[in-house]
Amino acid sequence: MSYSSEEISEEQLAVLDDLAMLRDDLVSELQAINQYEEHVLSLENEEAVTALERVIEEEKEHVAELLRLIQNLDPIQAEKMKRIL
């Protein structure tokens, strides 16, 4: 969504701000998944491995939820996701 500064309403600015934060959160969740997966490969303790595997699954749920929210706020993003998935 690209707008000139004259044509953006306060509501549109709020949506853009929300999208920026949600996308930052999405990046953080994906980075966390990668980090946890690296740790699983290095851990010796099976209990710790099992716990991190559960955490990874939770993070993946967070990714899905964030993607859903982003799609709801950005119709162009939603359309692109539909074409890919």
PDB file of N, CA and C in Angstrom:
ATOM      1  N   MET A   1       0.848  -1.167   0.000  1.00  0.00           N
ATOM      2  CA  MET A   1       0.000   0.000   0.000  1.00  0.00           C
ATOM      3  C   MET A   1       0.891   1.227   0.000  1.00  0.00           C
ATOM      4  N   SER A   2       0.833   1.963  -1.085  1.00  0.00           N
ATOM      5  CA  SER A   2       1.634   3.176  -1.128  1.00  0.00           C
ATOM      6  C   SER A   2       0.711   4.375  -1.288  1.00  0.00           C
ATOM      7  N   TYR A   3       0.931   5.352  -0.471  1.00  0.00           N
ATOM      8  CA  TYR A   3       0.115   6.562  -0.446  1.00  0.00           C
ATOM      9  C   TYR A   3       1.037   7.759  -0.381  1.00  0.00           C
ATOM     10  N   SER A   4       0.563   8.879  -0.953  1.00  0.00           N
ATOM     11  CA  SER A   4       1.278  10.125  -0.697  1.00  0.00           C
ATOM     12  C   SER A   4       0.797  10.647   0.651  1.00  0.00           C
ATOM     13  N   SER A   5       1.585  11.474   1.275  1.00  0.00           N
ATOM     14  CA  SER A   5       1.254  11.928   2.631  1.00  0.00           C
ATOM     15  C   SER A   5      -0.056  12.708   2.677  1.00  0.00           C
ATOM     16  N   GLU A   6      -0.470  13.329   1.581  1.00  0.00           N
ATOM     17  CA  GLU A   6      -1.712  14.096   1.579  1.00  0.00           C
ATOM     18  C   GLU A   6      -2.954  13.203   1.579  1.00  0.00           C
ATOM     19  N   GLU A   7      -2.837  12.000   1.061  1.00  0.00           N
ATOM     20  CA  GLU A   7      -4.037  11.178   0.909  1.00  0.00           C
ATOM     21  C   GLU A   7      -4.194  10.097   1.973  1.00  0.00           C
ATOM     22  N   ILE A   8      -3.377  10.093   2.990  1.00  0.00           N
ATOM     23  CA  ILE A   8      -3.482   9.095   4.055  1.00  0.00           C
ATOM     24  C   ILE A   8      -4.292   9.668   5.215  1.00  0.00           C
ATOM     25  N   SER A   9      -5.348   8.947   5.576  1.00  0.00           N
ATOM     26  CA  SER A   9      -6.162   9.365   6.719  1.00  0.00           C
ATOM     27  C   SER A   9      -5.519   8.858   8.005  1.00  0.00           C
ATOM     28  N   GLU A  10      -6.002   9.368   9.117  1.00  0.00           N
ATOM     29  CA  GLU A  10      -5.518   8.903  10.426  1.00  0.00           C
ATOM     30  C   GLU A  10      -5.764   7.408  10.581  1.00  0.00           C
ATOM     31  N   GLU A  11      -6.906   6.945  10.100  1.00  0.00           N
ATOM     32  CA  GLU A  11      -7.231   5.522  10.202  1.00  0.00           C
ATOM     33  C   GLU A  11      -6.254   4.676   9.378  1.00  0.00           C
ATOM     34  N   GLN A  12      -5.945   5.142   8.173  1.00  0.00           N
ATOM     35  CA  GLN A  12      -4.984   4.419   7.336  1.00  0.00           C
ATOM     36  C   GLN A  12      -3.591   4.415   7.962  1.00  0.00           C
ATOM     37  N   LEU A  13      -3.215   5.525   8.569  1.00  0.00           N
ATOM     38  CA  LEU A  13      -1.922   5.584   9.261  1.00  0.00           C
ATOM     39  C   LEU A  13      -1.874   4.585  10.413  1.00  0.00           C
ATOM     40  N   ALA A  14      -2.980   4.478  11.137  1.00  0.00           N
ATOM     41  CA  ALA A  14      -3.043   3.526  12.247  1.00  0.00           C
ATOM     42  C   ALA A  14      -2.896   2.094  11.729  1.00  0.00           C
ATOM     43  N   VAL A  15      -3.532   1.782  10.599  1.00  0.00           N
ATOM     44  CA  VAL A  15      -3.417   0.438  10.015  1.00  0.00           C
ATOM     45  C   VAL A  15      -1.981   0.183   9.588  1.00  0.00           C
ATOM     46  N   LEU A  16      -1.351   1.169   8.955  1.00  0.00           N
ATOM     47  CA  LEU A  16       0.047   1.000   8.534  1.00  0.00           C
ATOM     48  C   LEU A  16       0.960   0.784   9.733  1.00  0.00           C
ATOM     49  N   ASP A  17       0.717   1.517  10.806  1.00  0.00           N
ATOM     50  CA  ASP A  17       1.509   1.329  12.030  1.00  0.00           C
ATOM     51  C   ASP A  17       1.292  -0.079  12.594  1.00  0.00           C
ATOM     52  N   ASP A  18       0.035  -0.510  12.633  1.00  0.00           N
ATOM     53  CA  ASP A  18      -0.270  -1.864  13.118  1.00  0.00           C
ATOM     54  C   ASP A  18       0.427  -2.912  12.262  1.00  0.00           C
ATOM     55  N   LEU A  19       0.359  -2.746  10.949  1.00  0.00           N
ATOM     56  CA  LEU A  19       1.006  -3.711  10.054  1.00  0.00           C
ATOM     57  C   LEU A  19       2.513  -3.757  10.286  1.00  0.00           C
ATOM     58  N   ALA A  20       3.131  -2.613  10.462  1.00  0.00           N
ATOM     59  CA  ALA A  20       4.580  -2.576  10.710  1.00  0.00           C
ATOM     60  C   ALA A  20       4.927  -3.339  11.984  1.00  0.00           C
ATOM     61  N   MET A  21       4.135  -3.120  13.033  1.00  0.00           N
ATOM     62  CA  MET A  21       4.401  -3.826  14.297  1.00  0.00           C
ATOM     63  C   MET A  21       4.169  -5.324  14.145  1.00  0.00           C
ATOM     64  N   LEU A  22       3.093  -5.706  13.475  1.00  0.00           N
ATOM     65  CA  LEU A  22       2.805  -7.132  13.292  1.00  0.00           C
ATOM     66  C   LEU A  22       3.878  -7.809  12.456  1.00  0.00           C
ATOM     67  N   ARG A  23       4.368  -7.126  11.445  1.00  0.00           N
ATOM     68  CA  ARG A  23       5.438  -7.707  10.616  1.00  0.00           C
ATOM     69  C   ARG A  23       6.732  -7.835  11.415  1.00  0.00           C
ATOM     70  N   ASP A  24       7.025  -6.861  12.255  1.00  0.00           N
ATOM     71  CA  ASP A  24       8.190  -6.973  13.145  1.00  0.00           C
ATOM     72  C   ASP A  24       8.027  -8.172  14.078  1.00  0.00           C
ATOM     73  N   ASP A  25       6.808  -8.337  14.612  1.00  0.00           N
ATOM     74  CA  ASP A  25       6.534  -9.477  15.493  1.00  0.00           C
ATOM     75  C   ASP A  25       6.696 -10.797  14.741  1.00  0.00           C
ATOM     76  N   LEU A  26       6.248 -10.825  13.492  1.00  0.00           N
ATOM     77  CA  LEU A  26       6.386 -12.031  12.676  1.00  0.00           C
ATOM     78  C   LEU A  26       7.856 -12.397  12.496  1.00  0.00           C
ATOM     79  N   VAL A  27       8.666 -11.412  12.193  1.00  0.00           N
ATOM     80  CA  VAL A  27      10.112 -11.640  12.053  1.00  0.00           C
ATOM     81  C   VAL A  27      10.684 -12.209  13.349  1.00  0.00           C
ATOM     82  N   SER A  28      10.287 -11.641  14.467  1.00  0.00           N
ATOM     83  CA  SER A  28      10.790 -12.110  15.765  1.00  0.00           C
ATOM     84  C   SER A  28      10.394 -13.554  16.039  1.00  0.00           C
ATOM     85  N   GLU A  29       9.162 -13.900  15.704  1.00  0.00           N
ATOM     86  CA  GLU A  29       8.705 -15.277  15.912  1.00  0.00           C
ATOM     87  C   GLU A  29       9.509 -16.247  15.037  1.00  0.00           C
ATOM     88  N   LEU A  30       9.747 -15.880  13.790  1.00  0.00           N
ATOM     89  CA  LEU A  30      10.515 -16.752  12.890  1.00  0.00           C
ATOM     90  C   LEU A  30      11.959 -16.890  13.370  1.00  0.00           C
ATOM     91  N   GLN A  31      12.538 -15.808  13.853  1.00  0.00           N
ATOM     92  CA  GLN A  31      13.896 -15.880  14.391  1.00  0.00           C
ATOM     93  C   GLN A  31      13.937 -16.769  15.628  1.00  0.00           C
ATOM     94  N   ALA A  32      12.914 -16.683  16.457  1.00  0.00           N
ATOM     95  CA  ALA A  32      12.861 -17.530  17.655  1.00  0.00           C
ATOM     96  C   ALA A  32      12.790 -18.996  17.258  1.00  0.00           C
ATOM     97  N   ILE A  33      11.978 -19.312  16.265  1.00  0.00           N
ATOM     98  CA  ILE A  33      11.882 -20.704  15.803  1.00  0.00           C
ATOM     99  C   ILE A  33      13.249 -21.196  15.356  1.00  0.00           C
ATOM    100  N   ASN A  34      13.933 -20.400  14.562  1.00  0.00           N
ATOM    101  CA  ASN A  34      15.266 -20.795  14.083  1.00  0.00           C
ATOM    102  C   ASN A  34      16.233 -21.011  15.240  1.00  0.00           C
ATOM    103  N   GLN A  35      16.197 -20.109  16.212  1.00  0.00           N
ATOM    104  CA  GLN A  35      17.100 -20.232  17.360  1.00  0.00           C
ATOM    105  C   GLN A  35      16.789 -21.497  18.161  1.00  0.00           C
ATOM    106  N   TYR A  36      15.516 -21.728  18.443  1.00  0.00           N
ATOM    107  CA  TYR A  36      15.137 -22.918  19.209  1.00  0.00           C
ATOM    108  C   TYR A  36      15.526 -24.197  18.462  1.00  0.00           C
ATOM    109  N   GLU A  37      15.340 -24.213  17.146  1.00  0.00           N
ATOM    110  CA  GLU A  37      15.718 -25.407  16.382  1.00  0.00           C
ATOM    111  C   GLU A  37      17.218 -25.655  16.444  1.00  0.00           C
ATOM    112  N   GLU A  38      18.010 -24.592  16.402  1.00  0.00           N
ATOM    113  CA  GLU A  38      19.467 -24.736  16.556  1.00  0.00           C
ATOM    114  C   GLU A  38      19.802 -25.312  17.931  1.00  0.00           C
ATOM    115  N   HIS A  39      19.118 -24.831  18.950  1.00  0.00           N
ATOM    116  CA  HIS A  39      19.382 -25.300  20.313  1.00  0.00           C
ATOM    117  C   HIS A  39      18.998 -26.773  20.466  1.00  0.00           C
ATOM    118  N   VAL A  40      17.893 -27.166  19.852  1.00  0.00           N
ATOM    119  CA  VAL A  40      17.468 -28.568  19.925  1.00  0.00           C
ATOM    120  C   VAL A  40      18.571 -29.480  19.387  1.00  0.00           C
ATOM    121  N   LEU A  41      19.231 -29.045  18.335  1.00  0.00           N
ATOM    122  CA  LEU A  41      20.293 -29.856  17.739  1.00  0.00           C
ATOM    123  C   LEU A  41      21.523 -29.958  18.641  1.00  0.00           C
ATOM    124  N   SER A  42      21.690 -28.990  19.543  1.00  0.00           N
ATOM    125  CA  SER A  42      22.874 -28.958  20.402  1.00  0.00           C
ATOM    126  C   SER A  42      22.644 -29.526  21.796  1.00  0.00           C
ATOM    127  N   LEU A  43      21.398 -29.578  22.219  1.00  0.00           N
ATOM    128  CA  LEU A  43      21.102 -29.998  23.593  1.00  0.00           C
ATOM    129  C   LEU A  43      21.360 -31.483  23.803  1.00  0.00           C
ATOM    130  N   GLU A  44      21.841 -31.807  24.975  1.00  0.00           N
ATOM    131  CA  GLU A  44      22.065 -33.197  25.366  1.00  0.00           C
ATOM    132  C   GLU A  44      20.882 -33.739  26.169  1.00  0.00           C
ATOM    133  N   ASN A  45      20.218 -32.871  26.905  1.00  0.00           N
ATOM    134  CA  ASN A  45      19.157 -33.263  27.813  1.00  0.00           C
ATOM    135  C   ASN A  45      17.839 -33.450  27.060  1.00  0.00           C
ATOM    136  N   GLU A  46      17.289 -34.663  27.127  1.00  0.00           N
ATOM    137  CA  GLU A  46      16.058 -34.982  26.394  1.00  0.00           C
ATOM    138  C   GLU A  46      14.859 -34.180  26.886  1.00  0.00           C
ATOM    139  N   GLU A  47      14.804 -33.923  28.179  1.00  0.00           N
ATOM    140  CA  GLU A  47      13.701 -33.125  28.715  1.00  0.00           C
ATOM    141  C   GLU A  47      13.726 -31.715  28.122  1.00  0.00           C
ATOM    142  N   ALA A  48      14.918 -31.152  28.018  1.00  0.00           N
ATOM    143  CA  ALA A  48      15.068 -29.824  27.430  1.00  0.00           C
ATOM    144  C   ALA A  48      14.692 -29.842  25.956  1.00  0.00           C
ATOM    145  N   VAL A  49      15.104 -30.884  25.248  1.00  0.00           N
ATOM    146  CA  VAL A  49      14.761 -31.023  23.827  1.00  0.00           C
ATOM    147  C   VAL A  49      13.249 -31.076  23.663  1.00  0.00           C
ATOM    148  N   THR A  50      12.592 -31.897  24.466  1.00  0.00           N
ATOM    149  CA  THR A  50      11.140 -32.035  24.388  1.00  0.00           C
ATOM    150  C   THR A  50      10.450 -30.706  24.684  1.00  0.00           C
ATOM    151  N   ALA A  51      10.930 -29.997  25.690  1.00  0.00           N
ATOM    152  CA  ALA A  51      10.343 -28.702  26.048  1.00  0.00           C
ATOM    153  C   ALA A  51      10.497 -27.705  24.901  1.00  0.00           C
ATOM    154  N   LEU A  52      11.683 -27.648  24.321  1.00  0.00           N
ATOM    155  CA  LEU A  52      11.894 -26.707  23.222  1.00  0.00           C
ATOM    156  C   LEU A  52      11.081 -27.092  21.991  1.00  0.00           C
ATOM    157  N   GLU A  53      10.904 -28.368  21.752  1.00  0.00           N
ATOM    158  CA  GLU A  53      10.063 -28.795  20.621  1.00  0.00           C
ATOM    159  C   GLU A  53       8.622 -28.314  20.812  1.00  0.00           C
ATOM    160  N   ARG A  54       8.129 -28.338  22.056  1.00  0.00           N
ATOM    161  CA  ARG A  54       6.787 -27.798  22.340  1.00  0.00           C
ATOM    162  C   ARG A  54       6.762 -26.288  22.112  1.00  0.00           C
ATOM    163  N   VAL A  55       7.806 -25.617  22.546  1.00  0.00           N
ATOM    164  CA  VAL A  55       7.886 -24.168  22.364  1.00  0.00           C
ATOM    165  C   VAL A  55       7.900 -23.824  20.869  1.00  0.00           C
ATOM    166  N   ILE A  56       8.626 -24.595  20.085  1.00  0.00           N
ATOM    167  CA  ILE A  56       8.678 -24.370  18.637  1.00  0.00           C
ATOM    168  C   ILE A  56       7.282 -24.473  18.037  1.00  0.00           C
ATOM    169  N   GLU A  57       6.524 -25.478  18.455  1.00  0.00           N
ATOM    170  CA  GLU A  57       5.160 -25.635  17.938  1.00  0.00           C
ATOM    171  C   GLU A  57       4.294 -24.441  18.321  1.00  0.00           C
ATOM    172  N   GLU A  58       4.457 -23.925  19.528  1.00  0.00           N
ATOM    173  CA  GLU A  58       3.712 -22.734  19.957  1.00  0.00           C
ATOM    174  C   GLU A  58       4.101 -21.521  19.116  1.00  0.00           C
ATOM    175  N   GLU A  59       5.397 -21.382  18.851  1.00  0.00           N
ATOM    176  CA  GLU A  59       5.860 -20.255  18.034  1.00  0.00           C
ATOM    177  C   GLU A  59       5.272 -20.340  16.626  1.00  0.00           C
ATOM    178  N   LYS A  60       5.165 -21.540  16.099  1.00  0.00           N
ATOM    179  CA  LYS A  60       4.569 -21.711  14.771  1.00  0.00           C
ATOM    180  C   LYS A  60       3.096 -21.310  14.780  1.00  0.00           C
ATOM    181  N   GLU A  61       2.406 -21.556  15.878  1.00  0.00           N
ATOM    182  CA  GLU A  61       1.023 -21.085  16.005  1.00  0.00           C
ATOM    183  C   GLU A  61       0.989 -19.561  16.010  1.00  0.00           C
ATOM    184  N   HIS A  62       1.953 -18.951  16.681  1.00  0.00           N
ATOM    185  CA  HIS A  62       2.033 -17.488  16.707  1.00  0.00           C
ATOM    186  C   HIS A  62       2.251 -16.945  15.299  1.00  0.00           C
ATOM    187  N   VAL A  63       3.116 -17.601  14.523  1.00  0.00           N
ATOM    188  CA  VAL A  63       3.365 -17.190  13.139  1.00  0.00           C
ATOM    189  C   VAL A  63       2.063 -17.233  12.344  1.00  0.00           C
ATOM    190  N   ALA A  64       1.321 -18.312  12.484  1.00  0.00           N
ATOM    191  CA  ALA A  64       0.061 -18.446  11.746  1.00  0.00           C
ATOM    192  C   ALA A  64      -0.927 -17.353  12.148  1.00  0.00           C
ATOM    193  N   GLU A  65      -1.012 -17.063  13.439  1.00  0.00           N
ATOM    194  CA  GLU A  65      -1.926 -16.032  13.919  1.00  0.00           C
ATOM    195  C   GLU A  65      -1.518 -14.650  13.409  1.00  0.00           C
ATOM    196  N   LEU A  66      -0.226 -14.357  13.435  1.00  0.00           N
ATOM    197  CA  LEU A  66       0.245 -13.072  12.930  1.00  0.00           C
ATOM    198  C   LEU A  66      -0.018 -12.939  11.439  1.00  0.00           C
ATOM    199  N   LEU A  67       0.191 -14.007  10.683  1.00  0.00           N
ATOM    200  CA  LEU A  67      -0.104 -13.972   9.249  1.00  0.00           C
ATOM    201  C   LEU A  67      -1.584 -13.703   9.004  1.00  0.00           C
ATOM    202  N   ARG A  68      -2.441 -14.311   9.807  1.00  0.00           N
ATOM    203  CA  ARG A  68      -3.879 -14.087   9.665  1.00  0.00           C
ATOM    204  C   ARG A  68      -4.214 -12.618   9.928  1.00  0.00           C
ATOM    205  N   LEU A  69      -3.631 -12.058  10.977  1.00  0.00           N
ATOM    206  CA  LEU A  69      -3.885 -10.656  11.302  1.00  0.00           C
ATOM    207  C   LEU A  69      -3.398  -9.730  10.189  1.00  0.00           C
ATOM    208  N   ILE A  70      -2.215 -10.005   9.673  1.00  0.00           N
ATOM    209  CA  ILE A  70      -1.664  -9.193   8.584  1.00  0.00           C
ATOM    210  C   ILE A  70      -2.559  -9.266   7.359  1.00  0.00           C
ATOM    211  N   GLN A  71      -3.021 -10.455   7.027  1.00  0.00           N
ATOM    212  CA  GLN A  71      -3.917 -10.607   5.880  1.00  0.00           C
ATOM    213  C   GLN A  71      -5.211  -9.829   6.078  1.00  0.00           C
ATOM    214  N   ASN A  72      -5.732  -9.816   7.292  1.00  0.00           N
ATOM    215  CA  ASN A  72      -6.967  -9.078   7.567  1.00  0.00           C
ATOM    216  C   ASN A  72      -6.789  -7.575   7.404  1.00  0.00           C
ATOM    217  N   LEU A  73      -5.601  -7.082   7.691  1.00  0.00           N
ATOM    218  CA  LEU A  73      -5.350  -5.641   7.611  1.00  0.00           C
ATOM    219  C   LEU A  73      -4.834  -5.186   6.250  1.00  0.00           C
ATOM    220  N   ASP A  74      -4.306  -6.115   5.456  1.00  0.00           N
ATOM    221  CA  ASP A  74      -3.698  -5.749   4.175  1.00  0.00           C
ATOM    222  C   ASP A  74      -4.275  -6.631   3.069  1.00  0.00           C
ATOM    223  N   PRO A  75      -5.304  -6.148   2.359  1.00  0.00           N
ATOM    224  CA  PRO A  75      -5.941  -6.955   1.324  1.00  0.00           C
ATOM    225  C   PRO A  75      -4.996  -7.349   0.187  1.00  0.00           C
ATOM    226  N   ILE A  76      -4.018  -6.506  -0.109  1.00  0.00           N
ATOM    227  CA  ILE A  76      -3.056  -6.844  -1.164  1.00  0.00           C
ATOM    228  C   ILE A  76      -2.207  -8.028  -0.726  1.00  0.00           C
ATOM    229  N   GLN A  77      -1.759  -8.004   0.519  1.00  0.00           N
ATOM    230  CA  GLN A  77      -0.983  -9.121   1.073  1.00  0.00           C
ATOM    231  C   GLN A  77      -1.827 -10.385   1.072  1.00  0.00           C
ATOM    232  N   ALA A  78      -3.095 -10.256   1.441  1.00  0.00           N
ATOM    233  CA  ALA A  78      -3.997 -11.409   1.488  1.00  0.00           C
ATOM    234  C   ALA A  78      -4.135 -12.035   0.103  1.00  0.00           C
ATOM    235  N   GLU A  79      -4.269 -11.207  -0.909  1.00  0.00           N
ATOM    236  CA  GLU A  79      -4.414 -11.719  -2.280  1.00  0.00           C
ATOM    237  C   GLU A  79      -3.149 -12.442  -2.722  1.00  0.00           C
ATOM    238  N   LYS A  80      -2.011 -11.895  -2.401  1.00  0.00           N
ATOM    239  CA  LYS A  80      -0.749 -12.545  -2.772  1.00  0.00           C
ATOM    240  C   LYS A  80      -0.597 -13.887  -2.062  1.00  0.00           C
ATOM    241  N   MET A  81      -1.014 -13.938  -0.803  1.00  0.00           N
ATOM    242  CA  MET A  81      -0.945 -15.208  -0.066  1.00  0.00           C
ATOM    243  C   MET A  81      -1.858 -16.258  -0.695  1.00  0.00           C
ATOM    244  N   LYS A  82      -3.045 -15.835  -1.112  1.00  0.00           N
ATOM    245  CA  LYS A  82      -3.973 -16.760  -1.754  1.00  0.00           C
ATOM    246  C   LYS A  82      -3.368 -17.372  -3.004  1.00  0.00           C
ATOM    247  N   ARG A  83      -2.690 -16.532  -3.796  1.00  0.00           N
ATOM    248  CA  ARG A  83      -2.085 -17.030  -5.044  1.00  0.00           C
ATOM    249  C   ARG A  83      -0.953 -18.012  -4.771  1.00  0.00           C
ATOM    250  N   ILE A  84      -0.209 -17.778  -3.702  1.00  0.00           N
ATOM    251  CA  ILE A  84       0.928 -18.645  -3.390  1.00  0.00           C
ATOM    252  C   ILE A  84       0.475 -19.932  -2.717  1.00  0.00           C
ATOM    253  N   LEU A  85      -0.466 -19.817  -1.801  1.00  0.00           N
ATOM    254  CA  LEU A  85      -0.915 -20.983  -1.065  1.00  0.00           C
ATOM    255  C   LEU A  85      -2.066 -21.611  -1.789  1.00  0.00           C
TER     256      LEU A  85
END
